[in-house]
Amino acid sequence: MPHRIQVLMVAGTMTGVTAMMFVYLYILTYLYYKGVFGNIANLISKVGKMAFANYLKQSIICTTLYYSYGFGLYGKVNYREGVLITIAIYIVQIIWSYYWLKHFRFGPFEWLWRTLTYGKRQPMRRKQNV
């Protein structure tokens, strides 16, 4: 008899968790279509447009923070501090990407990648409205 109860509890939990996931998904989708996430999505999309440059920048920042040739913080940062460092780095990426893309069409490494891919120099600067 206890085995049956455990099976029912697991099945109920799985069903409830799945249903709750769909409720969360519905709420997030509804809020997205109502425009609640418009500004946030716009800022995050700028980081995505410069994914290669941001990946390299993040790698340089993190290796400098954690490896011995930099600050040597590996193993010395607790969970909370690690989360705060991660958030700070991401905020820097958002700000840098936003201002970079106001003046340029691509990130610097995205431009280089496109230039090498197409075999000709790609236009980098945005056209100025006169």
Protein backbone atom coordinates (compact mmCIF):
# COMPACT_ATOMS: atom_id res chain seq x y z
CA MET A 1 0.00 0.00 0.00
CA PRO A 2 2.72 2.59 0.75
CA HIS A 3 4.20 2.01 -2.71
CA ARG A 4 0.90 3.00 -4.35
CA ILE A 5 0.74 6.18 -2.30
CA GLN A 6 4.28 7.11 -3.36
CA VAL A 7 3.45 6.50 -7.02
CA LEU A 8 0.33 8.67 -6.73
CA MET A 9 2.28 11.42 -4.97
CA VAL A 10 4.96 11.42 -7.67
CA ALA A 11 2.36 11.40 -10.45
CA GLY A 12 0.45 14.23 -8.79
CA THR A 13 3.60 16.27 -8.32
CA MET A 14 4.65 15.76 -11.94
CA THR A 15 1.21 16.76 -13.20
CA GLY A 16 1.05 19.78 -10.92
CA VAL A 17 4.55 20.98 -11.81
CA THR A 18 3.82 20.63 -15.53
CA ALA A 19 0.55 22.52 -15.18
CA MET A 20 2.29 25.28 -13.21
CA MET A 21 4.96 25.54 -15.93
CA PHE A 22 2.25 26.15 -18.53
CA VAL A 23 0.66 28.81 -16.30
CA TYR A 24 4.03 30.61 -15.97
CA LEU A 25 4.60 30.31 -19.71
CA TYR A 26 1.16 31.74 -20.42
CA ILE A 27 1.68 34.67 -18.02
CA LEU A 28 5.10 35.51 -19.51
CA THR A 29 3.74 35.27 -23.06
CA TYR A 30 0.75 37.46 -22.17
CA LEU A 31 3.00 40.09 -20.57
CA TYR A 32 5.31 40.00 -23.59
CA TYR A 33 2.46 40.66 -26.01
CA LYS A 34 1.19 43.47 -23.78
CA GLY A 35 4.59 45.16 -24.20
CA VAL A 36 5.76 44.82 -20.60
CA PHE A 37 9.16 43.45 -21.64
CA GLY A 38 9.70 45.83 -24.58
CA ASN A 39 12.55 47.91 -23.16
CA ILE A 40 14.23 44.96 -21.47
CA ALA A 41 14.05 42.84 -24.62
CA ASN A 42 15.46 45.72 -26.68
CA LEU A 43 18.47 46.08 -24.36
CA ILE A 44 19.11 42.35 -24.21
CA SER A 45 18.84 42.06 -28.00
CA LYS A 46 21.73 44.53 -28.33
CA VAL A 47 23.94 42.19 -26.29
CA GLY A 48 22.92 39.37 -28.63
CA LYS A 49 23.81 41.40 -31.72
CA MET A 50 27.34 41.63 -30.34
CA ALA A 51 27.53 38.06 -29.04
CA PHE A 52 31.04 37.31 -30.32
CA ALA A 53 32.53 40.56 -28.99
CA ASN A 54 30.73 40.17 -25.66
CA TYR A 55 31.89 36.56 -25.34
CA LEU A 56 35.51 37.61 -25.85
CA LYS A 57 35.16 40.59 -23.50
CA GLN A 58 33.53 38.41 -20.84
CA SER A 59 36.32 35.84 -21.19
CA ILE A 60 38.99 38.52 -20.73
CA ILE A 61 37.21 40.03 -17.71
CA CYS A 62 36.61 36.68 -16.01
CA THR A 63 40.07 35.24 -16.61
CA THR A 64 41.57 38.49 -15.32
CA LEU A 65 39.41 38.29 -12.22
CA TYR A 66 39.88 34.61 -11.47
CA TYR A 67 43.26 33.49 -12.84
CA SER A 68 46.62 34.05 -11.20
CA TYR A 69 47.85 36.52 -13.84
CA GLY A 70 45.04 38.83 -12.71
CA PHE A 71 43.43 39.08 -9.30
CA GLY A 72 43.50 35.34 -8.56
CA LEU A 73 39.99 35.17 -7.11
CA TYR A 74 39.34 31.55 -8.15
CA GLY A 75 38.06 29.67 -5.09
CA LYS A 76 37.91 32.88 -3.02
CA VAL A 77 34.53 34.15 -4.17
CA ASN A 78 31.41 32.82 -2.47
CA TYR A 79 28.11 32.15 -4.24
CA ARG A 80 26.56 35.55 -3.52
CA GLU A 81 29.65 37.45 -4.63
CA GLY A 82 29.83 35.33 -7.79
CA VAL A 83 26.23 36.18 -8.67
CA LEU A 84 26.87 39.89 -8.06
CA ILE A 85 29.99 39.80 -10.26
CA THR A 86 28.00 38.03 -12.98
CA ILE A 87 25.22 40.63 -12.85
CA ALA A 88 27.77 43.48 -12.90
CA ILE A 89 29.52 42.03 -15.95
CA TYR A 90 26.20 41.60 -17.76
CA ILE A 91 25.17 45.19 -16.97
CA VAL A 92 28.51 46.40 -18.38
CA GLN A 93 27.83 44.34 -21.52
CA ILE A 94 24.35 45.85 -21.88
CA ILE A 95 25.67 49.41 -21.54
CA TRP A 96 28.66 48.85 -23.83
CA SER A 97 26.54 47.12 -26.50
CA TYR A 98 23.88 49.83 -26.39
CA TYR A 99 26.31 52.69 -26.91
CA TRP A 100 28.44 50.82 -29.46
CA LEU A 101 25.44 49.95 -31.62
CA LYS A 102 24.25 53.56 -31.59
CA HIS A 103 27.30 54.40 -33.75
CA PHE A 104 28.16 51.13 -35.49
CA ARG A 105 26.21 48.47 -37.38
CA PHE A 106 28.05 45.50 -35.82
CA GLY A 107 30.32 44.70 -32.94
CA PRO A 108 34.04 44.87 -33.78
CA PHE A 109 34.51 41.11 -34.01
CA GLU A 110 31.19 40.59 -35.78
CA TRP A 111 32.38 43.12 -38.38
CA LEU A 112 35.68 41.26 -38.77
CA TRP A 113 33.84 37.93 -39.09
CA ARG A 114 31.48 39.31 -41.77
CA THR A 115 34.36 40.93 -43.66
CA LEU A 116 36.31 37.67 -43.73
CA THR A 117 33.19 35.65 -44.62
CA TYR A 118 32.12 37.83 -47.56
CA GLY A 119 35.69 38.59 -48.71
CA LYS A 120 35.15 42.34 -48.81
CA ARG A 121 35.17 45.13 -46.28
CA GLN A 122 31.74 45.56 -44.70
CA PRO A 123 30.39 49.03 -43.85
CA MET A 124 30.92 49.57 -40.12
CA ARG A 125 29.42 52.96 -39.22
CA ARG A 126 25.73 53.67 -39.19
CA LYS A 127 24.56 56.20 -41.74
CA GLN A 128 24.03 59.57 -40.13
CA ASN A 129 20.69 61.28 -40.69
CA VAL A 130 21.36 64.76 -42.05
